[in-house]
Amino acid sequence: MHRHVAAPPGSTGRLVARGALVLRSALTAPIALSTLIALAALPLAAQPDSTGRRPFWRPPPASRAVQAAAGFSTERLARLDRLMQDYVDQGRVAGAVALVLRDGRLVYERAVGWSDKEAGRRMTHDAIFRIASQSKAITSVAVMILVEEGKVALGDPVSRFIPEYARTTVAVRTDTGVAIVPARRPITIKDLLTHTAGISYGTDPHVAARYEARGLGPAAGFGWYIADKDEPICTTMARLASLPFVAQPGEGWVYGYNTDILGCVVERASGMPLDAFVAQRITGPLGMVDTHFFLPAAKRDRLTAVYAGTEEGRAVRAPDGARGQGHYVDGPRRSFSGGAGLVSTARDYARFLQMLLNGGSLDGVRILAPRTVRLMATNQVGTLYRTPGLGFGLGFEVVEAYGAGGLSAEGTFSWGGAYGSNYRVDPRDKLVMVFMIQQIPARTDLPALVPTLVYSALTGPAPW
């Protein structure tokens, strides 16, 4: 692993102009000798302070020279600055962080607004966000690690690891009500990775009452929230198996608890708690020092407050509890939700995405084989996904036709979280985009606008 450095005062612009590497998996591009000498002279990053801050990756600001060298128009990128600040000034979002890498180099990073407006705490680049369903990509990688080791197979029935799934049922609407019928075949690991198992979040009207009675669906925040449960994830997911699902396995794309079930599969197949597996096999090796299921107390003040989007488009502070601030610092800390339970920073998550863009490795650490990443980022559901031109791989939405995903090229994969955050990886243009806000319900179009402004600023190819 490379040494992580912070530039001394006055040196940042000079080093960036020289083409210093910010985030690379391997030193494949030529670097000026003067740059290498300057890098070697830089001090190591600071050790953790009393607040738990440890700037493991502290990229220098992206200068105009770096943006231009990366094929970006600096004037057009400035539109994104203005857009985000306008949304803050108008009270439409409290604060946001946006980060863009091209071929591993930082070309854009901005923090605007407030991390906690009521406390007077400004947004910072290392602010920690609840990433909700962005957890799914990390858990999906965990599953694929075990697939590569032969401990799990995509065609395995889930019941191999969770016996309660040997016989599942489906709730079918009829003229007279709802009929509960047996599933026509076993649910497989691939069904869960692709969200084709027929498993929802239990808020569908014809099953909601049953789910609520078992502490799921309407009883779990907006359906997906289980961080407050005082029981292991496998206990919750075994109970889920007793409830009827909403479609037959393999016959529809249904978004729901699939990746939470996979979190239990990871625990059973590896013999480790999910949080330990993720830390030892993914976040630790990648240097993602601020990515956790539950936040260490020392980092409490870096956790961004949650705001709720009103019907009028304003951001107001969300309440405490499952539909607001959550239980990511104080709470039982027992339920590791692979589908929606992680907190992270834009910088941490960018490292994870850059690993995927690199074909499974970063800074000399290999997490997955290139062919495995390619499988994950290829449509695996045929025409079951809802939007023409888009598909779904093993954990992400995938662009199959240009125009179906905005300005994203074919092969781009992406997803987002319930608090309004999202990410995008574009292999053709070697782009990683991360956008973080904390708003639920996220009644704002800002997350959808950010990629458009980034692509609109991309006016040339990367020369390296």
Protein backbone atom coordinates (compact mmCIF):
# COMPACT_ATOMS: atom_id res chain seq x y z
CA MET A 1 0.00 0.00 0.00
CA HIS A 2 1.30 3.42 -0.84
CA ARG A 3 2.06 6.05 1.74
CA HIS A 4 -0.64 8.65 2.20
CA VAL A 5 0.72 12.16 2.35
CA ALA A 6 -0.44 15.70 2.89
CA ALA A 7 1.23 18.51 1.00
CA PRO A 8 3.02 21.21 2.99
CA PRO A 9 1.68 24.76 2.70
CA GLY A 10 2.46 26.31 -0.65
CA SER A 11 3.33 23.05 -2.38
CA THR A 12 -0.10 21.80 -3.43
CA GLY A 13 -0.55 23.86 -6.58
CA ARG A 14 2.99 23.13 -7.75
CA LEU A 15 2.60 19.38 -7.27
CA VAL A 16 -0.82 19.26 -8.90
CA ALA A 17 0.43 21.24 -11.86
CA ARG A 18 3.23 18.70 -12.20
CA GLY A 19 0.64 15.92 -12.45
CA ALA A 20 1.01 14.40 -9.00
CA LEU A 21 -1.05 11.26 -8.53
CA VAL A 22 -3.98 11.54 -6.16
CA LEU A 23 -5.62 8.14 -6.26
CA ARG A 24 -4.11 5.41 -8.44
CA SER A 25 -4.15 1.65 -8.22
CA ALA A 26 -0.79 1.35 -9.94
CA LEU A 27 1.86 3.75 -11.16
CA THR A 28 1.10 3.16 -14.80
CA ALA A 29 1.35 6.76 -16.02
CA PRO A 30 4.69 8.55 -16.44
CA ILE A 31 5.51 11.02 -13.68
CA ALA A 32 8.09 13.78 -13.84
CA LEU A 33 11.20 13.11 -11.74
CA SER A 34 10.69 16.42 -9.96
CA THR A 35 7.23 15.27 -8.90
CA LEU A 36 8.56 12.01 -7.47
CA ILE A 37 11.22 13.89 -5.51
CA ALA A 38 8.64 16.34 -4.20
CA LEU A 39 6.29 13.53 -3.17
CA ALA A 40 9.05 11.72 -1.33
CA ALA A 41 9.74 14.85 0.68
CA LEU A 42 6.18 15.27 1.91
CA PRO A 43 5.31 14.44 5.55
CA LEU A 44 3.08 11.50 6.38
CA ALA A 45 -0.58 12.18 7.13
CA ALA A 46 -1.45 13.10 10.68
CA GLN A 47 -2.36 10.47 13.24
CA PRO A 48 -5.90 10.35 14.65
CA ASP A 49 -6.77 13.25 16.91
CA SER A 50 -9.18 13.31 19.83
CA THR A 51 -12.19 13.51 17.50
CA GLY A 52 -11.24 10.34 15.64
CA ARG A 53 -10.15 12.20 12.52
CA ARG A 54 -7.49 10.38 10.56
CA PRO A 55 -6.90 11.90 7.13
CA PHE A 56 -5.89 8.61 5.53
CA TRP A 57 -6.45 10.02 2.07
CA ARG A 58 -6.07 13.77 1.84
CA PRO A 59 -6.09 14.75 -1.83
CA PRO A 60 -4.85 18.23 -2.71
CA PRO A 61 -7.43 20.55 -4.22
CA ALA A 62 -7.95 19.96 -7.92
CA SER A 63 -6.36 22.94 -9.66
CA ARG A 64 -7.52 24.39 -12.95
CA ALA A 65 -4.47 22.81 -14.56
CA VAL A 66 -5.45 19.34 -13.34
CA GLN A 67 -9.06 19.81 -14.45
CA ALA A 68 -7.98 20.94 -17.89
CA ALA A 69 -5.46 18.11 -18.20
CA ALA A 70 -8.22 15.66 -17.30
CA GLY A 71 -10.40 16.91 -20.15
CA PHE A 72 -12.69 19.10 -18.04
CA SER A 73 -13.70 22.69 -18.63
CA THR A 74 -13.03 24.55 -15.40
CA GLU A 75 -15.64 27.16 -16.28
CA ARG A 76 -18.27 24.47 -16.78
CA LEU A 77 -17.32 22.67 -13.56
CA ALA A 78 -17.86 25.97 -11.75
CA ARG A 79 -21.55 25.61 -12.65
CA LEU A 80 -21.71 22.75 -10.16
CA ASP A 81 -20.29 25.00 -7.43
CA ARG A 82 -23.03 27.53 -8.09
CA LEU A 83 -25.79 24.95 -8.34
CA MET A 84 -25.01 23.30 -5.00
CA GLN A 85 -24.58 26.63 -3.24
CA ASP A 86 -27.86 27.90 -4.69
CA TYR A 87 -29.70 24.87 -3.29
CA VAL A 88 -28.19 25.54 0.13
CA ASP A 89 -28.96 29.27 0.00
CA GLN A 90 -32.57 28.54 -0.99
CA GLY A 91 -32.99 26.06 1.87
CA ARG A 92 -33.60 23.14 -0.47
CA VAL A 93 -30.75 21.11 1.01
CA ALA A 94 -28.78 21.69 4.19
CA GLY A 95 -25.41 20.70 2.77
CA ALA A 96 -23.68 18.42 0.30
CA VAL A 97 -20.36 16.94 -0.77
CA ALA A 98 -19.52 16.15 -4.40
CA LEU A 99 -16.38 14.34 -5.59
CA VAL A 100 -15.21 13.37 -9.08
CA LEU A 101 -12.23 11.25 -10.10
CA ARG A 102 -10.98 10.66 -13.60
CA ASP A 103 -8.65 7.70 -14.06
CA GLY A 104 -7.93 7.85 -10.34
CA ARG A 105 -7.07 11.55 -10.25
CA LEU A 106 -9.11 13.99 -8.23
CA VAL A 107 -10.65 16.57 -10.57
CA TYR A 108 -13.43 17.95 -8.39
CA GLU A 109 -14.25 18.02 -4.68
CA ARG A 110 -16.59 20.46 -2.95
CA ALA A 111 -18.31 20.62 0.42
CA VAL A 112 -21.09 23.22 0.72
CA GLY A 113 -23.56 24.24 3.38
CA TRP A 114 -24.05 22.61 6.75
CA SER A 115 -23.30 19.26 8.27
CA ASP A 116 -25.57 20.26 11.17
CA LYS A 117 -27.22 23.61 10.60
CA GLU A 118 -28.79 23.86 14.05
CA ALA A 119 -25.45 23.16 15.74
CA GLY A 120 -23.64 25.62 13.47
CA ARG A 121 -21.37 22.90 12.07
CA ARG A 122 -20.25 23.47 8.49
CA MET A 123 -20.05 20.71 5.91
CA THR A 124 -16.55 19.30 5.42
CA HIS A 125 -14.95 16.93 2.93
CA ASP A 126 -14.61 14.28 5.65
CA ALA A 127 -18.20 14.51 6.88
CA ILE A 128 -19.74 11.09 7.53
CA PHE A 129 -23.04 10.19 5.85
CA ARG A 130 -25.59 7.41 6.23
CA ILE A 131 -25.32 5.77 2.81
CA ALA A 132 -28.33 3.41 3.11
CA SER A 133 -28.60 1.36 -0.11
CA GLN A 134 -25.08 2.26 -1.21
CA SER A 135 -24.25 -0.43 1.36
CA LYS A 136 -25.57 -2.97 -1.15
CA ALA A 137 -22.56 -2.63 -3.45
CA ILE A 138 -20.16 -3.37 -0.61
CA THR A 139 -22.15 -6.39 0.59
CA SER A 140 -22.42 -7.65 -3.00
CA VAL A 141 -18.62 -7.46 -3.28
CA ALA A 142 -18.38 -9.42 -0.02
CA VAL A 143 -20.54 -12.16 -1.55
CA MET A 144 -18.42 -12.25 -4.69
CA ILE A 145 -15.25 -12.61 -2.62
CA LEU A 146 -16.78 -15.79 -1.19
CA VAL A 147 -17.83 -16.90 -4.68
CA GLU A 148 -14.22 -16.56 -5.83
CA GLU A 149 -13.12 -18.66 -2.86
CA GLY A 150 -15.60 -21.42 -3.66
CA LYS A 151 -17.52 -20.95 -0.41
CA VAL A 152 -20.64 -19.68 -2.19
CA ALA A 153 -21.97 -20.30 -5.71
CA LEU A 154 -24.36 -18.05 -7.58
CA GLY A 155 -26.68 -21.01 -8.19
CA ASP A 156 -26.73 -22.09 -4.54
CA PRO A 157 -30.16 -22.10 -2.91
CA VAL A 158 -30.27 -19.60 -0.07
CA SER A 159 -31.48 -22.47 2.13
CA ARG A 160 -27.96 -23.92 2.04
CA PHE A 161 -27.01 -21.11 4.44
CA ILE A 162 -30.39 -20.17 5.96
CA PRO A 163 -32.56 -23.31 6.23
CA GLU A 164 -35.74 -21.29 6.78
CA TYR A 165 -35.68 -20.43 3.04
CA ALA A 166 -36.16 -24.06 1.95
CA ARG A 167 -39.90 -23.47 1.49
CA THR A 168 -41.04 -19.93 0.83
CA THR A 169 -44.41 -18.55 -0.18
CA VAL A 170 -45.81 -15.79 -2.40
CA ALA A 171 -48.81 -13.53 -1.77
CA VAL A 172 -50.97 -13.35 -4.89
CA ARG A 173 -53.83 -10.87 -5.32
CA THR A 174 -57.13 -12.49 -6.31
CA ASP A 175 -60.63 -11.27 -7.00
CA THR A 176 -61.59 -12.08 -3.43
CA GLY A 177 -58.44 -10.97 -1.62
CA VAL A 178 -54.96 -12.44 -1.26
CA ALA A 179 -53.93 -16.06 -1.69
CA ILE A 180 -50.71 -17.44 -0.23
CA VAL A 181 -49.13 -19.95 -2.62
CA PRO A 182 -45.86 -21.91 -2.57
CA ALA A 183 -42.86 -20.57 -4.45
CA ARG A 184 -42.33 -22.49 -7.68
CA ARG A 185 -38.62 -22.94 -7.11
CA PRO A 186 -35.96 -22.21 -4.47
CA ILE A 187 -34.49 -18.72 -4.21
CA THR A 188 -30.81 -18.62 -5.24
CA ILE A 189 -27.88 -16.38 -4.36
CA LYS A 190 -28.06 -14.88 -7.85
CA ASP A 191 -31.73 -14.07 -7.33
CA LEU A 192 -30.78 -12.03 -4.27
CA LEU A 193 -27.88 -10.23 -5.98
CA THR A 194 -30.10 -9.24 -8.91
CA HIS A 195 -33.26 -8.48 -6.87
CA THR A 196 -35.23 -11.10 -8.76
CA ALA A 197 -36.16 -13.23 -5.73
CA GLY A 198 -39.59 -11.59 -5.45
CA ILE A 199 -38.72 -10.11 -2.04
CA SER A 200 -39.87 -6.53 -1.34
CA TYR A 201 -39.51 -4.33 1.73
CA GLY A 202 -42.94 -5.46 2.90
CA THR A 203 -44.73 -2.14 2.46
CA ASP A 204 -46.92 -3.44 -0.40
CA PRO A 205 -50.56 -3.01 0.66
CA HIS A 206 -51.45 -6.71 0.33
CA VAL A 207 -48.64 -7.88 2.67
CA ALA A 208 -47.90 -4.81 4.85
CA ALA A 209 -49.96 -5.91 7.86
CA ARG A 210 -48.22 -9.29 8.00
CA TYR A 211 -44.78 -7.68 7.83
CA GLU A 212 -45.61 -5.05 10.42
CA ALA A 213 -46.71 -7.76 12.85
CA ARG A 214 -43.23 -9.34 12.57
CA GLY A 215 -41.35 -6.07 13.06
CA LEU A 216 -40.62 -5.53 9.36
CA GLY A 217 -42.13 -3.48 6.52
CA PRO A 218 -44.04 -0.52 8.02
CA ALA A 219 -42.55 -1.32 11.44
CA ALA A 220 -39.02 -0.80 10.10
CA GLY A 221 -38.83 2.92 9.39
CA PHE A 222 -39.61 3.29 5.70
CA GLY A 223 -39.38 -0.49 5.35
CA TRP A 224 -35.63 -1.00 5.03
CA TYR A 225 -34.41 0.29 8.40
CA ILE A 226 -33.27 -2.40 10.83
CA ALA A 227 -30.30 -0.72 12.55
CA ASP A 228 -32.33 -0.38 15.75
CA LYS A 229 -33.02 -4.10 16.17
CA ASP A 230 -31.51 -5.75 19.22
CA GLU A 231 -30.81 -9.03 17.44
CA PRO A 232 -28.32 -10.41 14.90
CA ILE A 233 -29.12 -9.94 11.22
CA CYS A 234 -29.55 -13.69 10.69
CA THR A 235 -32.33 -13.78 13.30
CA THR A 236 -34.23 -11.05 11.48
CA MET A 237 -33.70 -12.62 8.05
CA ALA A 238 -34.79 -16.07 9.26
CA ARG A 239 -38.02 -14.48 10.51
CA LEU A 240 -38.47 -12.81 7.13
CA ALA A 241 -38.58 -16.27 5.49
CA SER A 242 -41.85 -17.02 7.30
CA LEU A 243 -43.59 -14.15 5.49
CA PRO A 244 -45.03 -14.28 1.97
CA PHE A 245 -43.06 -12.55 -0.77
CA VAL A 246 -44.64 -10.59 -3.59
CA ALA A 247 -43.45 -12.35 -6.77
CA GLN A 248 -42.24 -15.76 -7.84
CA PRO A 249 -38.43 -16.21 -7.89
CA GLY A 250 -36.96 -15.18 -11.23
CA GLU A 251 -40.18 -13.68 -12.61
CA GLY A 252 -39.78 -9.99 -11.75
CA TRP A 253 -37.39 -7.33 -10.51
CA VAL A 254 -38.47 -6.49 -6.94
CA TYR A 255 -36.42 -4.20 -4.70
CA GLY A 256 -36.27 -5.25 -1.07
CA TYR A 257 -34.47 -7.13 1.69
CA ASN A 258 -32.39 -9.20 -0.74
CA THR A 259 -29.01 -7.77 0.24
CA ASP A 260 -29.79 -8.01 3.95
CA ILE A 261 -30.34 -11.73 3.41
CA LEU A 262 -26.99 -11.82 1.62
CA GLY A 263 -25.40 -10.25 4.69
CA CYS A 264 -26.52 -13.28 6.66
CA VAL A 265 -25.19 -15.55 3.91
CA VAL A 266 -21.80 -13.85 4.25
CA GLU A 267 -21.85 -14.49 8.00
CA ARG A 268 -22.78 -18.16 7.63
CA ALA A 269 -20.37 -18.87 4.74
CA SER A 270 -17.39 -17.06 6.28
CA GLY A 271 -17.98 -17.84 9.94
CA MET A 272 -17.54 -14.14 10.76
CA PRO A 273 -19.94 -11.33 11.69
CA LEU A 274 -20.69 -9.19 8.66
CA ASP A 275 -19.06 -6.08 10.12
CA ALA A 276 -15.83 -7.99 10.76
CA PHE A 277 -15.80 -9.55 7.29
CA VAL A 278 -16.34 -6.20 5.58
CA ALA A 279 -13.64 -4.56 7.70
CA GLN A 280 -11.07 -7.32 7.19
CA ARG A 281 -11.69 -8.06 3.51
CA ILE A 282 -12.87 -4.76 1.99
CA THR A 283 -12.76 -1.50 3.94
CA GLY A 284 -9.57 -2.24 5.86
CA PRO A 285 -7.45 -3.26 2.85
CA LEU A 286 -8.82 -0.31 0.85
CA GLY A 287 -8.05 2.22 3.56
CA MET A 288 -11.70 3.16 4.05
CA VAL A 289 -11.13 4.27 7.62
CA ASP A 290 -14.44 6.08 8.07
CA THR A 291 -16.79 3.35 6.78
CA HIS A 292 -18.65 1.53 9.56
CA PHE A 293 -21.96 -0.14 10.35
CA PHE A 294 -22.11 1.78 13.62
CA LEU A 295 -20.06 4.89 14.21
CA PRO A 296 -17.33 4.97 16.88
CA ALA A 297 -18.25 7.49 19.57
CA ALA A 298 -15.14 9.56 18.83
CA LYS A 299 -16.51 10.31 15.35
CA ARG A 300 -19.96 11.35 16.55
CA ASP A 301 -19.49 15.02 15.67
CA ARG A 302 -18.61 14.17 12.08
CA LEU A 303 -21.93 12.43 11.41
CA THR A 304 -24.09 14.69 9.27
CA ALA A 305 -27.56 15.52 10.54
CA VAL A 306 -30.55 14.19 8.60
CA TYR A 307 -33.05 16.59 7.07
CA ALA A 308 -36.50 15.88 5.64
CA GLY A 309 -37.63 17.19 2.29
CA THR A 310 -41.02 18.88 2.50
CA GLU A 311 -43.64 18.92 -0.25
CA GLU A 312 -42.73 22.59 -0.77
CA GLY A 313 -39.15 21.61 -1.51
CA ARG A 314 -37.59 22.82 1.74
CA ALA A 315 -35.17 20.91 3.97
CA VAL A 316 -36.18 20.75 7.64
CA ARG A 317 -34.47 18.81 10.39
CA ALA A 318 -35.73 15.23 10.56
CA PRO A 319 -36.90 13.71 13.85
CA ASP A 320 -34.94 11.24 15.91
CA GLY A 321 -35.50 7.53 15.34
CA ALA A 322 -35.86 5.18 12.42
CA ARG A 323 -37.39 7.75 10.06
CA GLY A 324 -34.80 10.40 10.81
CA GLN A 325 -31.49 10.54 12.63
CA GLY A 326 -31.37 6.77 13.21
CA HIS A 327 -29.34 4.71 15.63
CA TYR A 328 -25.89 4.81 14.06
CA VAL A 329 -24.12 6.04 17.20
CA ASP A 330 -26.44 5.19 20.08
CA GLY A 331 -28.42 1.98 19.88
CA PRO A 332 -28.11 -1.79 20.22
CA ARG A 333 -25.33 -1.98 17.55
CA ARG A 334 -26.17 -5.63 16.82
CA SER A 335 -27.98 -5.63 13.46
CA PHE A 336 -25.50 -5.33 10.59
CA SER A 337 -27.70 -4.44 7.64
CA GLY A 338 -25.90 -5.37 4.44
CA GLY A 339 -28.63 -3.67 2.45
CA ALA A 340 -28.77 -0.29 4.16
CA GLY A 341 -26.65 -0.12 7.31
CA LEU A 342 -23.32 1.55 6.51
CA VAL A 343 -22.04 5.06 7.09
CA SER A 344 -19.17 6.46 5.05
CA THR A 345 -17.53 9.53 3.54
CA ALA A 346 -17.35 10.64 -0.07
CA ARG A 347 -13.61 9.99 -0.05
CA ASP A 348 -13.93 6.49 1.40
CA TYR A 349 -16.65 5.50 -1.02
CA ALA A 350 -14.65 6.88 -3.93
CA ARG A 351 -11.81 4.52 -3.02
CA PHE A 352 -14.21 1.58 -3.12
CA LEU A 353 -15.56 2.65 -6.51
CA GLN A 354 -12.08 3.26 -7.92
CA MET A 355 -11.23 -0.34 -6.95
CA LEU A 356 -14.16 -1.51 -9.09
CA LEU A 357 -13.21 0.79 -11.96
CA ASN A 358 -9.69 -0.66 -11.82
CA GLY A 359 -11.06 -4.17 -12.24
CA GLY A 360 -10.94 -5.17 -8.57
CA SER A 361 -7.71 -3.68 -7.21
CA LEU A 362 -6.43 -0.44 -5.70
CA ASP A 363 -2.99 0.58 -4.49
CA GLY A 364 -1.61 -2.93 -4.96
CA VAL A 365 -4.46 -4.57 -3.01
CA ARG A 366 -6.69 -6.93 -5.00
CA ILE A 367 -10.24 -7.44 -3.74
CA LEU A 368 -11.78 -9.18 -6.78
CA ALA A 369 -10.62 -10.54 -10.12
CA PRO A 370 -11.32 -8.38 -13.21
CA ARG A 371 -13.70 -10.97 -14.67
CA THR A 372 -15.73 -10.95 -11.46
CA VAL A 373 -16.12 -7.17 -11.58
CA ARG A 374 -17.13 -7.42 -15.24
CA LEU A 375 -19.80 -9.98 -14.30
CA MET A 376 -21.15 -7.72 -11.57
CA ALA A 377 -21.34 -4.75 -13.95
CA THR A 378 -23.13 -6.65 -16.73
CA ASN A 379 -26.91 -6.90 -16.99
CA GLN A 380 -27.98 -10.23 -15.47
CA VAL A 381 -31.76 -9.85 -15.53
CA GLY A 382 -32.61 -9.69 -19.23
CA THR A 383 -35.69 -7.54 -19.68
CA LEU A 384 -36.97 -7.81 -16.10
CA TYR A 385 -35.57 -4.40 -15.13
CA ARG A 386 -38.11 -1.64 -15.40
CA THR A 387 -36.45 0.94 -17.66
CA PRO A 388 -35.65 0.29 -21.35
CA GLY A 389 -31.94 0.63 -22.01
CA LEU A 390 -31.01 -0.12 -18.41
CA GLY A 391 -30.29 -3.45 -16.78
CA PHE A 392 -29.24 -4.74 -13.39
CA GLY A 393 -26.07 -6.65 -12.63
CA LEU A 394 -24.92 -8.25 -9.39
CA GLY A 395 -25.50 -5.22 -7.20
CA PHE A 396 -25.82 -2.21 -9.52
CA GLU A 397 -27.95 -0.64 -12.21
CA VAL A 398 -26.17 -0.87 -15.58
CA VAL A 399 -26.50 1.37 -18.66
CA GLU A 400 -26.97 -0.71 -21.81
CA ALA A 401 -28.01 2.03 -24.26
CA TYR A 402 -26.69 5.57 -24.40
CA GLY A 403 -29.40 7.96 -23.30
CA ALA A 404 -31.10 5.55 -20.92
CA GLY A 405 -28.94 6.80 -18.04
CA GLY A 406 -28.73 10.46 -18.94
CA LEU A 407 -25.30 11.33 -20.34
CA SER A 408 -23.62 8.20 -18.96
CA ALA A 409 -21.86 5.96 -21.47
CA GLU A 410 -22.84 2.35 -22.07
CA GLY A 411 -21.39 0.17 -19.32
CA THR A 412 -21.80 2.78 -16.58
CA PHE A 413 -23.01 1.31 -13.29
CA SER A 414 -24.59 3.20 -10.43
CA TRP A 415 -26.96 3.27 -7.49
CA GLY A 416 -27.98 5.49 -4.59
CA GLY A 417 -29.25 5.60 -1.05
CA ALA A 418 -32.52 6.57 0.61
CA TYR A 419 -30.92 9.65 2.19
CA GLY A 420 -30.32 11.12 -1.28
CA SER A 421 -26.71 10.09 -1.89
CA ASN A 422 -25.65 8.41 -5.12
CA TYR A 423 -22.67 7.21 -7.11
CA ARG A 424 -21.74 6.51 -10.70
CA VAL A 425 -18.83 4.61 -12.28
CA ASP A 426 -18.25 5.16 -15.99
CA PRO A 427 -15.57 2.77 -17.28
CA ARG A 428 -15.55 4.25 -20.78
CA ASP A 429 -14.69 7.74 -19.58
CA LYS A 430 -12.77 6.45 -16.51
CA LEU A 431 -15.01 8.46 -14.20
CA VAL A 432 -16.06 8.00 -10.58
CA MET A 433 -18.71 10.34 -9.17
CA VAL A 434 -19.89 10.45 -5.57
CA PHE A 435 -22.58 12.80 -4.30
CA MET A 436 -23.61 12.94 -0.66
CA ILE A 437 -26.54 14.61 1.08
CA GLN A 438 -28.68 13.57 4.08
CA GLN A 439 -32.34 14.09 3.28
CA ILE A 440 -35.23 11.69 3.77
CA PRO A 441 -37.63 11.85 2.12
CA ALA A 442 -35.18 13.17 -0.47
CA ARG A 443 -37.56 15.52 -2.27
CA THR A 444 -34.88 17.26 -4.28
CA ASP A 445 -33.68 16.94 -7.85
CA LEU A 446 -30.12 17.92 -6.96
CA PRO A 447 -28.75 14.33 -6.93
CA ALA A 448 -30.04 13.82 -10.46
CA LEU A 449 -28.64 17.13 -11.70
CA VAL A 450 -25.08 16.64 -10.45
CA PRO A 451 -24.05 13.94 -12.99
CA THR A 452 -25.47 16.04 -15.82
CA LEU A 453 -23.32 19.01 -14.85
CA VAL A 454 -20.25 16.82 -14.47
CA TYR A 455 -20.69 15.28 -17.92
CA SER A 456 -21.45 18.69 -19.41
CA ALA A 457 -18.04 19.87 -18.17
CA LEU A 458 -16.25 16.90 -19.75
CA THR A 459 -15.10 18.37 -23.07
CA GLY A 460 -12.07 16.27 -23.93
CA PRO A 461 -10.40 12.90 -23.36
CA ALA A 462 -7.98 12.25 -20.52
CA PRO A 463 -4.44 12.51 -21.99
CA TRP A 464 -2.82 9.96 -19.70
